[in-house]
Amino acid sequence: MSRVEHALGVIRGRWKLLIIHHLLVREPRRFSDLERAIPQVTQKMLIQQLRALESDGVVRRIAYPEVPPHVEYELTAAGRALAAALTALHDWTIQSGHTGVSQEAGAPARLKPG
């Protein structure tokens, strides 16, 4: 498997890039924050996508020993390194005229690298 195929495998999934985007905009985030940020995703799918990103080392899950449980998600260094790729995708949509998704529907905001 090539490096590109491996990278695509890590971010493959309808919601993974949006999850990463929202964590780049503000982290850490609670599960409920991510649900509100991406209202189209079901709770089950959000859990699955977060677990997969955690398994691939892109997202870190932080569980606090409290009642009720308090769990936050943040990007790892590998996850934050995807900022440049998301910025490139954002710029491509503008340059190519593929801007069919509105900001309200989840289009990524311009990200600052680093």
N, C-alpha and C. Protein backbone atom coordinates (compact mmCIF):
# COMPACT_ATOMS: atom_id res chain seq x y z
N MET A 1 0.85 -1.18 0.00
CA MET A 1 0.00 0.00 0.00
C MET A 1 0.90 1.25 0.00
N SER A 2 0.57 2.19 -0.87
CA SER A 2 1.38 3.41 -0.94
C SER A 2 1.03 4.34 0.22
N ARG A 3 1.87 5.33 0.44
CA ARG A 3 1.63 6.30 1.52
C ARG A 3 0.34 7.08 1.28
N VAL A 4 0.08 7.41 0.02
CA VAL A 4 -1.15 8.14 -0.31
C VAL A 4 -2.36 7.29 0.01
N GLU A 5 -2.32 6.01 -0.36
CA GLU A 5 -3.43 5.11 -0.07
C GLU A 5 -3.64 4.99 1.44
N HIS A 6 -2.54 4.91 2.18
CA HIS A 6 -2.65 4.81 3.64
C HIS A 6 -3.28 6.09 4.21
N ALA A 7 -2.81 7.25 3.75
CA ALA A 7 -3.35 8.53 4.23
C ALA A 7 -4.83 8.64 3.91
N LEU A 8 -5.22 8.25 2.71
CA LEU A 8 -6.63 8.30 2.33
C LEU A 8 -7.46 7.35 3.18
N GLY A 9 -6.88 6.22 3.53
CA GLY A 9 -7.57 5.28 4.40
C GLY A 9 -7.84 5.87 5.78
N VAL A 10 -6.91 6.64 6.28
CA VAL A 10 -7.08 7.26 7.61
C VAL A 10 -8.20 8.30 7.60
N ILE A 11 -8.30 9.09 6.54
CA ILE A 11 -9.32 10.15 6.49
C ILE A 11 -10.57 9.75 5.72
N ARG A 12 -10.61 8.51 5.23
CA ARG A 12 -11.78 8.04 4.48
C ARG A 12 -12.97 7.95 5.43
N GLY A 13 -14.05 8.45 4.98
CA GLY A 13 -15.28 8.45 5.78
C GLY A 13 -15.96 9.78 5.60
N ARG A 14 -17.26 9.75 5.57
CA ARG A 14 -18.02 10.95 5.26
C ARG A 14 -17.78 12.09 6.24
N TRP A 15 -17.52 11.78 7.51
CA TRP A 15 -17.48 12.82 8.53
C TRP A 15 -16.09 13.11 9.08
N LYS A 16 -15.10 12.31 8.77
CA LYS A 16 -13.79 12.47 9.40
C LYS A 16 -13.15 13.83 9.13
N LEU A 17 -13.19 14.29 7.90
CA LEU A 17 -12.58 15.59 7.60
C LEU A 17 -13.31 16.74 8.31
N LEU A 18 -14.63 16.63 8.43
CA LEU A 18 -15.36 17.67 9.16
C LEU A 18 -15.04 17.64 10.64
N ILE A 19 -14.89 16.45 11.20
CA ILE A 19 -14.50 16.33 12.61
C ILE A 19 -13.13 16.98 12.81
N ILE A 20 -12.19 16.64 11.95
CA ILE A 20 -10.84 17.21 12.04
C ILE A 20 -10.91 18.73 11.89
N HIS A 21 -11.68 19.19 10.93
CA HIS A 21 -11.85 20.64 10.72
C HIS A 21 -12.34 21.31 12.00
N HIS A 22 -13.39 20.78 12.61
CA HIS A 22 -13.95 21.41 13.80
C HIS A 22 -12.99 21.35 14.98
N LEU A 23 -12.17 20.33 15.06
CA LEU A 23 -11.16 20.27 16.12
C LEU A 23 -10.01 21.23 15.82
N LEU A 24 -9.73 21.49 14.56
CA LEU A 24 -8.71 22.49 14.22
C LEU A 24 -9.18 23.89 14.58
N VAL A 25 -10.46 24.15 14.39
CA VAL A 25 -11.03 25.47 14.68
C VAL A 25 -11.00 25.73 16.18
N ARG A 26 -11.37 24.71 16.97
CA ARG A 26 -11.36 24.86 18.43
C ARG A 26 -11.20 23.50 19.08
N GLU A 27 -10.23 23.40 19.94
CA GLU A 27 -10.05 22.16 20.70
C GLU A 27 -9.60 22.51 22.10
N PRO A 28 -9.85 21.67 23.05
CA PRO A 28 -10.59 20.41 22.93
C PRO A 28 -12.09 20.69 22.79
N ARG A 29 -12.79 19.66 22.38
CA ARG A 29 -14.25 19.75 22.24
C ARG A 29 -14.89 18.55 22.90
N ARG A 30 -15.99 18.81 23.54
CA ARG A 30 -16.79 17.73 24.09
C ARG A 30 -17.58 17.08 22.96
N PHE A 31 -18.02 15.85 23.19
CA PHE A 31 -18.80 15.12 22.20
C PHE A 31 -20.02 15.94 21.78
N SER A 32 -20.72 16.50 22.75
CA SER A 32 -21.93 17.28 22.44
C SER A 32 -21.61 18.51 21.59
N ASP A 33 -20.43 19.10 21.77
CA ASP A 33 -20.01 20.23 20.93
C ASP A 33 -19.88 19.79 19.48
N LEU A 34 -19.28 18.62 19.28
CA LEU A 34 -19.12 18.10 17.92
C LEU A 34 -20.47 17.76 17.30
N GLU A 35 -21.38 17.22 18.11
CA GLU A 35 -22.74 16.92 17.61
C GLU A 35 -23.42 18.20 17.12
N ARG A 36 -23.29 19.28 17.88
CA ARG A 36 -23.89 20.55 17.48
C ARG A 36 -23.20 21.14 16.26
N ALA A 37 -21.88 20.97 16.18
CA ALA A 37 -21.12 21.52 15.05
C ALA A 37 -21.44 20.80 13.74
N ILE A 38 -21.79 19.51 13.84
CA ILE A 38 -22.09 18.70 12.64
C ILE A 38 -23.46 18.07 12.83
N PRO A 39 -24.53 18.85 12.71
CA PRO A 39 -25.86 18.33 13.04
C PRO A 39 -26.36 17.22 12.11
N GLN A 40 -25.75 17.07 10.93
CA GLN A 40 -26.21 16.05 9.99
C GLN A 40 -25.74 14.64 10.38
N VAL A 41 -24.73 14.51 11.23
CA VAL A 41 -24.18 13.21 11.58
C VAL A 41 -24.99 12.62 12.73
N THR A 42 -25.23 11.30 12.65
CA THR A 42 -25.91 10.63 13.74
C THR A 42 -24.94 10.40 14.89
N GLN A 43 -25.47 10.21 16.07
CA GLN A 43 -24.64 9.97 17.24
C GLN A 43 -23.78 8.71 17.05
N LYS A 44 -24.40 7.66 16.52
CA LYS A 44 -23.69 6.40 16.29
C LYS A 44 -22.51 6.59 15.33
N MET A 45 -22.75 7.31 14.24
CA MET A 45 -21.70 7.52 13.24
C MET A 45 -20.59 8.42 13.79
N LEU A 46 -20.96 9.43 14.56
CA LEU A 46 -19.95 10.30 15.16
C LEU A 46 -19.04 9.50 16.10
N ILE A 47 -19.64 8.64 16.90
CA ILE A 47 -18.85 7.77 17.79
C ILE A 47 -17.91 6.89 16.98
N GLN A 48 -18.43 6.27 15.92
CA GLN A 48 -17.61 5.38 15.09
C GLN A 48 -16.44 6.13 14.46
N GLN A 49 -16.72 7.31 13.92
CA GLN A 49 -15.68 8.09 13.24
C GLN A 49 -14.63 8.57 14.24
N LEU A 50 -15.06 9.01 15.43
CA LEU A 50 -14.11 9.43 16.46
C LEU A 50 -13.23 8.27 16.92
N ARG A 51 -13.84 7.10 17.09
CA ARG A 51 -13.06 5.92 17.49
C ARG A 51 -12.03 5.54 16.43
N ALA A 52 -12.43 5.62 15.18
CA ALA A 52 -11.51 5.29 14.09
C ALA A 52 -10.36 6.30 14.04
N LEU A 53 -10.67 7.59 14.19
CA LEU A 53 -9.62 8.61 14.19
C LEU A 53 -8.69 8.44 15.40
N GLU A 54 -9.26 8.05 16.52
CA GLU A 54 -8.44 7.78 17.71
C GLU A 54 -7.53 6.58 17.47
N SER A 55 -8.09 5.54 16.88
CA SER A 55 -7.31 4.33 16.58
C SER A 55 -6.16 4.61 15.63
N ASP A 56 -6.37 5.55 14.70
CA ASP A 56 -5.34 5.91 13.72
C ASP A 56 -4.38 6.97 14.23
N GLY A 57 -4.56 7.41 15.47
CA GLY A 57 -3.62 8.37 16.06
C GLY A 57 -3.83 9.81 15.63
N VAL A 58 -5.02 10.13 15.14
CA VAL A 58 -5.31 11.49 14.68
C VAL A 58 -5.99 12.30 15.79
N VAL A 59 -6.80 11.62 16.60
CA VAL A 59 -7.57 12.25 17.66
C VAL A 59 -7.22 11.59 18.99
N ARG A 60 -7.19 12.39 20.04
CA ARG A 60 -6.97 11.89 21.40
C ARG A 60 -8.26 12.09 22.18
N ARG A 61 -8.68 11.04 22.85
CA ARG A 61 -9.87 11.08 23.72
C ARG A 61 -9.38 11.25 25.15
N ILE A 62 -9.92 12.28 25.82
CA ILE A 62 -9.54 12.54 27.20
C ILE A 62 -10.78 12.35 28.07
N ALA A 63 -10.74 11.34 28.95
CA ALA A 63 -11.86 11.05 29.83
C ALA A 63 -11.51 11.52 31.24
N TYR A 64 -12.36 12.35 31.80
CA TYR A 64 -12.16 12.86 33.15
C TYR A 64 -13.00 12.02 34.12
N PRO A 65 -12.42 11.63 35.24
CA PRO A 65 -13.15 10.77 36.20
C PRO A 65 -14.18 11.58 37.00
N GLU A 66 -15.28 11.87 36.36
CA GLU A 66 -16.35 12.66 36.97
C GLU A 66 -17.68 11.96 36.75
N VAL A 67 -18.66 12.37 37.53
CA VAL A 67 -20.02 11.90 37.33
C VAL A 67 -20.87 13.14 37.15
N PRO A 68 -21.57 13.30 36.03
CA PRO A 68 -21.58 12.43 34.85
C PRO A 68 -20.23 12.48 34.12
N PRO A 69 -19.98 11.47 33.29
CA PRO A 69 -18.70 11.40 32.59
C PRO A 69 -18.44 12.65 31.75
N HIS A 70 -17.21 13.10 31.75
CA HIS A 70 -16.79 14.27 30.97
C HIS A 70 -15.68 13.79 30.04
N VAL A 71 -15.97 13.82 28.75
CA VAL A 71 -15.00 13.36 27.75
C VAL A 71 -14.77 14.49 26.76
N GLU A 72 -13.51 14.72 26.44
CA GLU A 72 -13.15 15.72 25.44
C GLU A 72 -12.30 15.07 24.37
N TYR A 73 -12.32 15.69 23.19
CA TYR A 73 -11.51 15.21 22.07
C TYR A 73 -10.61 16.35 21.62
N GLU A 74 -9.38 15.98 21.28
CA GLU A 74 -8.44 16.95 20.73
C GLU A 74 -7.60 16.24 19.68
N LEU A 75 -6.98 17.03 18.83
CA LEU A 75 -6.12 16.46 17.80
C LEU A 75 -4.75 16.14 18.38
N THR A 76 -4.16 15.09 17.87
CA THR A 76 -2.77 14.79 18.18
C THR A 76 -1.90 15.64 17.26
N ALA A 77 -0.61 15.55 17.41
CA ALA A 77 0.29 16.28 16.50
C ALA A 77 0.04 15.83 15.06
N ALA A 78 -0.21 14.54 14.86
CA ALA A 78 -0.50 14.03 13.51
C ALA A 78 -1.79 14.63 12.98
N GLY A 79 -2.79 14.80 13.83
CA GLY A 79 -4.05 15.41 13.42
C GLY A 79 -3.89 16.87 13.06
N ARG A 80 -3.12 17.60 13.88
CA ARG A 80 -2.89 19.03 13.59
C ARG A 80 -2.09 19.21 12.30
N ALA A 81 -1.28 18.22 11.95
CA ALA A 81 -0.50 18.30 10.71
C ALA A 81 -1.40 18.27 9.48
N LEU A 82 -2.65 17.86 9.63
CA LEU A 82 -3.59 17.84 8.50
C LEU A 82 -4.14 19.22 8.16
N ALA A 83 -3.81 20.24 8.97
CA ALA A 83 -4.31 21.60 8.71
C ALA A 83 -3.93 22.08 7.32
N ALA A 84 -2.70 21.81 6.91
CA ALA A 84 -2.25 22.26 5.58
C ALA A 84 -3.06 21.59 4.47
N ALA A 85 -3.37 20.32 4.64
CA ALA A 85 -4.16 19.61 3.63
C ALA A 85 -5.58 20.17 3.55
N LEU A 86 -6.18 20.46 4.70
CA LEU A 86 -7.53 21.02 4.69
C LEU A 86 -7.53 22.43 4.11
N THR A 87 -6.51 23.20 4.41
CA THR A 87 -6.40 24.54 3.83
C THR A 87 -6.27 24.44 2.30
N ALA A 88 -5.48 23.48 1.83
CA ALA A 88 -5.33 23.28 0.39
C ALA A 88 -6.66 22.90 -0.25
N LEU A 89 -7.45 22.05 0.40
CA LEU A 89 -8.77 21.69 -0.12
C LEU A 89 -9.68 22.92 -0.15
N HIS A 90 -9.64 23.71 0.90
CA HIS A 90 -10.44 24.92 0.96
C HIS A 90 -10.08 25.86 -0.20
N ASP A 91 -8.77 26.08 -0.40
CA ASP A 91 -8.31 26.96 -1.47
C ASP A 91 -8.70 26.41 -2.84
N TRP A 92 -8.63 25.11 -3.00
CA TRP A 92 -9.00 24.48 -4.27
C TRP A 92 -10.46 24.74 -4.59
N THR A 93 -11.36 24.66 -3.58
CA THR A 93 -12.77 24.89 -3.86
C THR A 93 -13.01 26.32 -4.36
N ILE A 94 -12.26 27.25 -3.81
CA ILE A 94 -12.41 28.65 -4.24
C ILE A 94 -11.85 28.84 -5.65
N GLN A 95 -10.64 28.35 -5.88
CA GLN A 95 -9.98 28.55 -7.17
C GLN A 95 -10.68 27.82 -8.31
N SER A 96 -11.29 26.68 -8.01
CA SER A 96 -11.91 25.89 -9.07
C SER A 96 -13.40 26.20 -9.23
N GLY A 97 -13.93 27.01 -8.35
CA GLY A 97 -15.34 27.34 -8.43
C GLY A 97 -16.26 26.29 -7.84
N HIS A 98 -15.71 25.30 -7.17
CA HIS A 98 -16.52 24.27 -6.52
C HIS A 98 -16.90 24.71 -5.12
N THR A 99 -17.76 25.70 -5.05
CA THR A 99 -18.16 26.23 -3.75
C THR A 99 -19.63 25.96 -3.49
N GLY A 100 -20.10 24.78 -3.81
CA GLY A 100 -21.51 24.43 -3.68
C GLY A 100 -21.98 24.25 -2.26
N VAL A 101 -21.08 24.11 -1.30
CA VAL A 101 -21.48 23.91 0.09
C VAL A 101 -21.36 25.23 0.82
N SER A 102 -22.43 25.64 1.48
CA SER A 102 -22.41 26.92 2.19
C SER A 102 -21.68 26.78 3.51
N GLN A 103 -21.27 27.90 4.07
CA GLN A 103 -20.58 27.91 5.36
C GLN A 103 -21.47 27.27 6.43
N GLU A 104 -22.77 27.55 6.39
CA GLU A 104 -23.69 27.01 7.38
C GLU A 104 -23.80 25.48 7.28
N ALA A 105 -23.60 24.94 6.10
CA ALA A 105 -23.73 23.50 5.90
C ALA A 105 -22.45 22.75 6.18
N GLY A 106 -21.42 23.43 6.64
CA GLY A 106 -20.22 22.73 7.05
C GLY A 106 -18.99 22.94 6.21
N ALA A 107 -18.97 23.92 5.35
CA ALA A 107 -17.76 24.18 4.56
C ALA A 107 -16.67 24.66 5.50
N PRO A 108 -15.46 24.16 5.32
CA PRO A 108 -14.40 24.57 6.23
C PRO A 108 -14.06 26.04 6.11
N ALA A 109 -13.88 26.66 7.25
CA ALA A 109 -13.42 28.05 7.27
C ALA A 109 -11.93 28.05 6.94
N ARG A 110 -11.42 29.18 6.52
CA ARG A 110 -9.99 29.30 6.20
C ARG A 110 -9.20 29.00 7.46
N LEU A 111 -8.28 28.06 7.37
CA LEU A 111 -7.46 27.65 8.50
C LEU A 111 -6.10 28.29 8.43
N LYS A 112 -5.57 28.63 9.57
CA LYS A 112 -4.23 29.17 9.64
C LYS A 112 -3.27 28.02 9.89
N PRO A 113 -2.29 27.79 9.00
CA PRO A 113 -1.34 26.71 9.21
C PRO A 113 -0.56 26.92 10.49
N GLY A 114 -0.18 25.77 11.10
CA GLY A 114 0.69 25.84 12.27
C GLY A 114 -0.06 25.64 13.47
